[in-house]
Amino acid sequence: MSYVITSPCLGEKFGECVEVCPVDCIFEGEDMYFIDPDLCIDCGACQAVCPVEAIYHEEDLLPEDEMFIQKAKEFFASQE
């Protein structure tokens, strides 16, 4: 996984990240967006436009935000 969407996105879902993603790897969930790690090319375009600063590179996540990696995995597993 490269980029992860974290708690500031919960309930916000502005969507600028979806619009700029060159590979369409961001999907809308019930309460937030999720980045598909299998499609993400690690370009950072989404991070640059996020108005609530919710997108971080996996390596830069704070310990309290690491749960969003699992939340994304569960979201994509439920889409299969």
N, C-alpha and C. Protein backbone atom coordinates (compact mmCIF):
# COMPACT_ATOMS: atom_id res chain seq x y z
N MET A 1 0.85 -1.18 0.00
CA MET A 1 0.00 0.00 0.00
C MET A 1 0.89 1.24 0.00
N SER A 2 0.50 2.22 -0.75
CA SER A 2 1.32 3.42 -0.78
C SER A 2 0.68 4.57 -0.02
N TYR A 3 -0.44 5.08 -0.49
CA TYR A 3 -1.12 6.16 0.21
C TYR A 3 -2.34 5.62 0.93
N VAL A 4 -2.66 6.25 2.07
CA VAL A 4 -3.77 5.81 2.91
C VAL A 4 -4.60 7.05 3.27
N ILE A 5 -5.91 6.91 3.21
CA ILE A 5 -6.80 7.99 3.61
C ILE A 5 -7.18 7.75 5.07
N THR A 6 -7.06 8.81 5.89
CA THR A 6 -7.23 8.68 7.33
C THR A 6 -8.45 9.45 7.85
N SER A 7 -8.54 9.58 9.16
CA SER A 7 -9.74 10.08 9.85
C SER A 7 -10.28 11.43 9.41
N PRO A 8 -9.49 12.40 8.99
CA PRO A 8 -10.12 13.66 8.57
C PRO A 8 -11.11 13.49 7.42
N CYS A 9 -11.03 12.40 6.68
CA CYS A 9 -11.96 12.15 5.58
C CYS A 9 -13.30 11.60 6.06
N LEU A 10 -13.32 11.03 7.25
CA LEU A 10 -14.55 10.43 7.76
C LEU A 10 -15.69 11.44 7.73
N GLY A 11 -16.71 11.13 6.97
CA GLY A 11 -17.88 11.99 6.87
C GLY A 11 -17.73 13.20 5.97
N GLU A 12 -16.55 13.46 5.45
CA GLU A 12 -16.32 14.64 4.61
C GLU A 12 -16.56 14.33 3.14
N LYS A 13 -15.72 13.46 2.59
CA LYS A 13 -15.83 13.01 1.21
C LYS A 13 -15.96 14.15 0.19
N PHE A 14 -15.01 15.08 0.21
CA PHE A 14 -15.02 16.17 -0.76
C PHE A 14 -14.82 15.67 -2.18
N GLY A 15 -13.90 14.74 -2.40
CA GLY A 15 -13.75 14.10 -3.70
C GLY A 15 -12.71 14.67 -4.64
N GLU A 16 -11.98 15.70 -4.22
CA GLU A 16 -10.94 16.23 -5.10
C GLU A 16 -9.90 15.17 -5.44
N CYS A 17 -9.65 14.28 -4.50
CA CYS A 17 -8.67 13.21 -4.71
C CYS A 17 -9.09 12.30 -5.86
N VAL A 18 -10.37 11.99 -5.93
CA VAL A 18 -10.89 11.12 -6.98
C VAL A 18 -10.69 11.78 -8.34
N GLU A 19 -10.94 13.08 -8.41
CA GLU A 19 -10.86 13.80 -9.67
C GLU A 19 -9.45 13.87 -10.25
N VAL A 20 -8.43 13.92 -9.38
CA VAL A 20 -7.06 14.07 -9.88
C VAL A 20 -6.30 12.76 -10.04
N CYS A 21 -6.84 11.67 -9.53
CA CYS A 21 -6.13 10.39 -9.60
C CYS A 21 -6.00 9.93 -11.05
N PRO A 22 -4.76 9.77 -11.54
CA PRO A 22 -4.57 9.38 -12.94
C PRO A 22 -4.90 7.91 -13.24
N VAL A 23 -5.02 7.08 -12.20
CA VAL A 23 -5.29 5.66 -12.42
C VAL A 23 -6.61 5.19 -11.81
N ASP A 24 -7.43 6.11 -11.38
CA ASP A 24 -8.75 5.79 -10.81
C ASP A 24 -8.68 4.73 -9.72
N CYS A 25 -7.81 4.96 -8.72
CA CYS A 25 -7.64 3.97 -7.66
C CYS A 25 -8.35 4.36 -6.37
N ILE A 26 -9.12 5.45 -6.38
CA ILE A 26 -9.80 5.90 -5.17
C ILE A 26 -11.29 5.62 -5.31
N PHE A 27 -11.82 4.93 -4.30
CA PHE A 27 -13.21 4.49 -4.35
C PHE A 27 -13.97 5.02 -3.15
N GLU A 28 -15.25 5.30 -3.37
CA GLU A 28 -16.09 5.85 -2.32
C GLU A 28 -16.70 4.74 -1.48
N GLY A 29 -16.46 4.84 -0.16
CA GLY A 29 -17.09 3.93 0.78
C GLY A 29 -18.28 4.62 1.43
N GLU A 30 -18.84 3.97 2.41
CA GLU A 30 -20.03 4.52 3.07
C GLU A 30 -19.74 5.84 3.78
N ASP A 31 -18.60 5.92 4.47
CA ASP A 31 -18.31 7.12 5.25
C ASP A 31 -17.01 7.83 4.87
N MET A 32 -16.29 7.30 3.89
CA MET A 32 -15.02 7.92 3.47
C MET A 32 -14.56 7.28 2.16
N TYR A 33 -13.47 7.82 1.61
CA TYR A 33 -12.87 7.26 0.40
C TYR A 33 -11.74 6.30 0.80
N PHE A 34 -11.41 5.40 -0.13
CA PHE A 34 -10.34 4.43 0.09
C PHE A 34 -9.47 4.35 -1.15
N ILE A 35 -8.16 4.18 -0.95
CA ILE A 35 -7.21 4.04 -2.05
C ILE A 35 -6.88 2.56 -2.22
N ASP A 36 -7.07 2.05 -3.43
CA ASP A 36 -6.74 0.66 -3.72
C ASP A 36 -5.23 0.54 -3.88
N PRO A 37 -4.56 -0.16 -2.97
CA PRO A 37 -3.10 -0.26 -3.03
C PRO A 37 -2.59 -1.02 -4.25
N ASP A 38 -3.44 -1.86 -4.83
CA ASP A 38 -3.02 -2.62 -6.00
C ASP A 38 -3.03 -1.78 -7.27
N LEU A 39 -3.76 -0.67 -7.25
CA LEU A 39 -3.85 0.20 -8.42
C LEU A 39 -3.02 1.48 -8.27
N CYS A 40 -2.80 1.91 -7.06
CA CYS A 40 -2.09 3.17 -6.79
C CYS A 40 -0.67 3.13 -7.36
N ILE A 41 -0.29 4.21 -8.04
CA ILE A 41 1.06 4.29 -8.62
C ILE A 41 1.97 5.18 -7.80
N ASP A 42 1.51 5.58 -6.60
CA ASP A 42 2.34 6.33 -5.67
C ASP A 42 2.75 7.71 -6.21
N CYS A 43 1.85 8.36 -6.94
CA CYS A 43 2.19 9.65 -7.55
C CYS A 43 2.01 10.83 -6.61
N GLY A 44 1.15 10.71 -5.61
CA GLY A 44 0.94 11.77 -4.64
C GLY A 44 -0.02 12.87 -5.07
N ALA A 45 -0.63 12.74 -6.23
CA ALA A 45 -1.55 13.77 -6.71
C ALA A 45 -2.71 13.96 -5.74
N CYS A 46 -3.21 12.87 -5.19
CA CYS A 46 -4.35 12.93 -4.26
C CYS A 46 -3.98 13.68 -2.98
N GLN A 47 -2.80 13.41 -2.49
CA GLN A 47 -2.35 14.05 -1.25
C GLN A 47 -2.26 15.57 -1.43
N ALA A 48 -1.80 15.99 -2.57
CA ALA A 48 -1.61 17.42 -2.83
C ALA A 48 -2.92 18.21 -2.85
N VAL A 49 -4.03 17.57 -3.22
CA VAL A 49 -5.29 18.31 -3.35
C VAL A 49 -6.27 18.06 -2.21
N CYS A 50 -5.97 17.20 -1.28
CA CYS A 50 -6.90 16.87 -0.21
C CYS A 50 -7.12 18.09 0.69
N PRO A 51 -8.35 18.62 0.71
CA PRO A 51 -8.61 19.83 1.49
C PRO A 51 -8.62 19.62 3.01
N VAL A 52 -8.73 18.38 3.46
CA VAL A 52 -8.73 18.12 4.89
C VAL A 52 -7.45 17.42 5.36
N GLU A 53 -6.47 17.31 4.46
CA GLU A 53 -5.17 16.71 4.76
C GLU A 53 -5.31 15.32 5.40
N ALA A 54 -6.11 14.48 4.74
CA ALA A 54 -6.38 13.14 5.26
C ALA A 54 -5.52 12.06 4.63
N ILE A 55 -4.73 12.40 3.60
CA ILE A 55 -4.00 11.38 2.85
C ILE A 55 -2.52 11.42 3.20
N TYR A 56 -2.01 10.26 3.59
CA TYR A 56 -0.60 10.15 3.98
C TYR A 56 0.01 8.93 3.31
N HIS A 57 1.30 9.03 3.07
CA HIS A 57 2.03 7.85 2.60
C HIS A 57 2.07 6.87 3.76
N GLU A 58 1.94 5.61 3.45
CA GLU A 58 1.88 4.57 4.49
C GLU A 58 3.04 4.70 5.48
N GLU A 59 4.22 5.02 4.99
CA GLU A 59 5.40 5.12 5.86
C GLU A 59 5.34 6.32 6.80
N ASP A 60 4.47 7.29 6.50
CA ASP A 60 4.36 8.50 7.31
C ASP A 60 3.17 8.49 8.27
N LEU A 61 2.45 7.38 8.33
CA LEU A 61 1.29 7.30 9.21
C LEU A 61 1.70 7.36 10.67
N LEU A 62 0.89 8.05 11.46
CA LEU A 62 1.07 8.02 12.90
C LEU A 62 0.51 6.69 13.40
N PRO A 63 0.99 6.21 14.53
CA PRO A 63 0.49 4.92 15.04
C PRO A 63 -1.04 4.86 15.15
N GLU A 64 -1.65 5.96 15.55
CA GLU A 64 -3.11 5.96 15.70
C GLU A 64 -3.85 5.92 14.37
N ASP A 65 -3.15 6.19 13.26
CA ASP A 65 -3.77 6.14 11.94
C ASP A 65 -3.54 4.82 11.21
N GLU A 66 -2.73 3.95 11.76
CA GLU A 66 -2.44 2.68 11.10
C GLU A 66 -3.68 1.81 10.96
N MET A 67 -4.70 2.05 11.77
CA MET A 67 -5.94 1.29 11.66
C MET A 67 -6.63 1.51 10.32
N PHE A 68 -6.31 2.61 9.63
CA PHE A 68 -6.93 2.90 8.35
C PHE A 68 -6.38 2.02 7.23
N ILE A 69 -5.22 1.41 7.43
CA ILE A 69 -4.72 0.42 6.50
C ILE A 69 -5.66 -0.79 6.52
N GLN A 70 -5.99 -1.24 7.72
CA GLN A 70 -6.90 -2.38 7.86
C GLN A 70 -8.29 -2.04 7.36
N LYS A 71 -8.75 -0.82 7.64
CA LYS A 71 -10.08 -0.40 7.18
C LYS A 71 -10.15 -0.45 5.65
N ALA A 72 -9.08 -0.03 4.99
CA ALA A 72 -9.04 -0.07 3.52
C ALA A 72 -9.03 -1.52 3.03
N LYS A 73 -8.26 -2.37 3.69
CA LYS A 73 -8.22 -3.78 3.30
C LYS A 73 -9.59 -4.41 3.41
N GLU A 74 -10.29 -4.11 4.49
CA GLU A 74 -11.63 -4.66 4.69
C GLU A 74 -12.61 -4.13 3.64
N PHE A 75 -12.47 -2.85 3.29
CA PHE A 75 -13.35 -2.27 2.26
C PHE A 75 -13.16 -3.01 0.94
N PHE A 76 -11.92 -3.18 0.50
CA PHE A 76 -11.67 -3.82 -0.78
C PHE A 76 -11.99 -5.31 -0.77
N ALA A 77 -11.82 -5.96 0.38
CA ALA A 77 -12.19 -7.38 0.49
C ALA A 77 -13.71 -7.53 0.33
N SER A 78 -14.46 -6.57 0.83
CA SER A 78 -15.92 -6.65 0.73
C SER A 78 -16.42 -6.35 -0.69
N GLN A 79 -15.56 -5.78 -1.53
CA GLN A 79 -15.94 -5.44 -2.90
C GLN A 79 -15.74 -6.61 -3.87
N GLU A 80 -15.04 -7.64 -3.42
CA GLU A 80 -14.75 -8.80 -4.28
C GLU A 80 -15.95 -9.68 -4.48
